[in-house]
Amino acid sequence: MTLPTPLAAAEEIYGHLIDQLNLALRRPGMYGGEVAFRILIDHLLFIERQPEAWNQLKQGWEEQGLWTPIGPSGAFQDVFPAQADCCEVASL
């Protein structure tokens, strides 16, 4: 009898994180909103060996007015002061 390996393979971990990101984008409030997106994206970029991509993405968003010192939620609060929440950030 062969026992299962104690850790998941890299492909399984990557697939799991992609699935979690897809679920979080569909139900942002249920998964923790902007913080959950940041954590999942950070982990995915680490697995893809592209950690610098996050800074490039933030810089592009900042140039377009979609990123503030408090993240994208700050940009949405300027436009939708009474409604800015994780759903708008998920759309970004």
Protein backbone atom coordinates (compact mmCIF):
# COMPACT_ATOMS: atom_id res chain seq x y z
CA MET A 1 0.00 0.00 0.00
CA THR A 2 1.38 3.39 -1.02
CA LEU A 3 0.77 6.28 1.33
CA PRO A 4 -0.07 9.66 -0.16
CA THR A 5 2.72 12.20 -0.18
CA PRO A 6 2.53 14.63 2.75
CA LEU A 7 2.58 17.75 0.56
CA ALA A 8 0.67 18.71 -2.55
CA ALA A 9 2.55 18.97 -5.82
CA ALA A 10 3.31 22.41 -7.25
CA GLU A 11 0.70 21.96 -9.98
CA GLU A 12 -1.96 21.11 -7.40
CA ILE A 13 -1.07 24.15 -5.30
CA TYR A 14 -1.17 26.41 -8.35
CA GLY A 15 -4.54 25.01 -9.46
CA HIS A 16 -5.95 25.42 -5.97
CA LEU A 17 -4.85 29.07 -5.75
CA ILE A 18 -6.31 29.82 -9.20
CA ASP A 19 -9.62 28.26 -8.11
CA GLN A 20 -9.58 30.27 -4.87
CA LEU A 21 -8.90 33.51 -6.75
CA ASN A 22 -11.77 32.81 -9.14
CA LEU A 23 -14.11 32.17 -6.21
CA ALA A 24 -12.90 35.29 -4.38
CA LEU A 25 -13.50 37.43 -7.46
CA ARG A 26 -17.07 36.12 -7.74
CA ARG A 27 -17.86 36.59 -4.02
CA PRO A 28 -15.36 39.15 -2.76
CA GLY A 29 -17.07 39.92 0.54
CA MET A 30 -17.26 36.27 1.48
CA TYR A 31 -13.53 35.73 0.92
CA GLY A 32 -12.14 38.84 2.61
CA GLY A 33 -12.22 41.39 -0.20
CA GLU A 34 -9.15 43.34 -1.20
CA VAL A 35 -6.88 41.68 1.36
CA ALA A 36 -7.74 38.23 0.04
CA PHE A 37 -7.05 39.33 -3.54
CA ARG A 38 -3.65 40.70 -2.56
CA ILE A 39 -2.67 37.53 -0.71
CA LEU A 40 -3.81 35.21 -3.48
CA ILE A 41 -2.17 37.27 -6.22
CA ASP A 42 1.05 37.53 -4.20
CA HIS A 43 1.16 33.74 -3.78
CA LEU A 44 0.38 33.11 -7.44
CA LEU A 45 3.10 35.49 -8.60
CA PHE A 46 5.57 33.78 -6.26
CA ILE A 47 4.69 30.39 -7.74
CA GLU A 48 5.00 31.83 -11.26
CA ARG A 49 8.40 33.33 -10.29
CA GLN A 50 7.19 36.83 -11.18
CA PRO A 51 7.03 38.74 -7.88
CA GLU A 52 8.02 41.98 -9.65
CA ALA A 53 4.83 41.81 -11.73
CA TRP A 54 2.79 43.07 -8.74
CA ASN A 55 4.79 46.30 -8.54
CA GLN A 56 4.48 46.78 -12.31
CA LEU A 57 0.74 46.27 -12.09
CA LYS A 58 0.40 48.74 -9.20
CA GLN A 59 2.47 51.32 -11.08
CA GLY A 60 0.23 50.99 -14.14
CA TRP A 61 -2.89 51.35 -11.99
CA GLU A 62 -1.41 54.39 -10.26
CA GLU A 63 -0.72 56.05 -13.61
CA GLN A 64 -4.37 55.47 -14.56
CA GLY A 65 -5.66 56.82 -11.25
CA LEU A 66 -6.76 53.37 -10.07
CA TRP A 67 -4.28 53.07 -7.18
CA THR A 68 -3.84 55.31 -4.14
CA PRO A 69 -1.71 55.04 -0.99
CA ILE A 70 -4.49 52.87 0.49
CA GLY A 71 -4.79 50.74 -2.63
CA PRO A 72 -7.49 50.60 -5.26
CA SER A 73 -10.28 51.01 -2.73
CA GLY A 74 -9.07 54.59 -2.18
CA ALA A 75 -9.49 55.39 -5.86
CA PHE A 76 -13.04 54.06 -5.81
CA GLN A 77 -13.87 56.00 -2.63
CA ASP A 78 -13.07 59.19 -4.53
CA VAL A 79 -15.72 58.27 -7.11
CA PHE A 80 -18.23 56.35 -4.98
CA PRO A 81 -17.80 57.68 -1.42
CA ALA A 82 -20.85 55.95 -0.01
CA GLN A 83 -20.45 52.62 -1.80
CA ALA A 84 -16.78 51.78 -2.24
CA ASP A 85 -16.23 48.19 -1.21
CA CYS A 86 -14.56 44.98 -2.31
CA CYS A 87 -16.89 44.44 -5.29
CA GLU A 88 -15.46 47.46 -7.05
CA VAL A 89 -11.92 46.36 -6.26
CA ALA A 90 -12.69 42.89 -7.67
CA SER A 91 -13.67 44.53 -10.96
CA LEU A 92 -10.20 46.06 -11.21
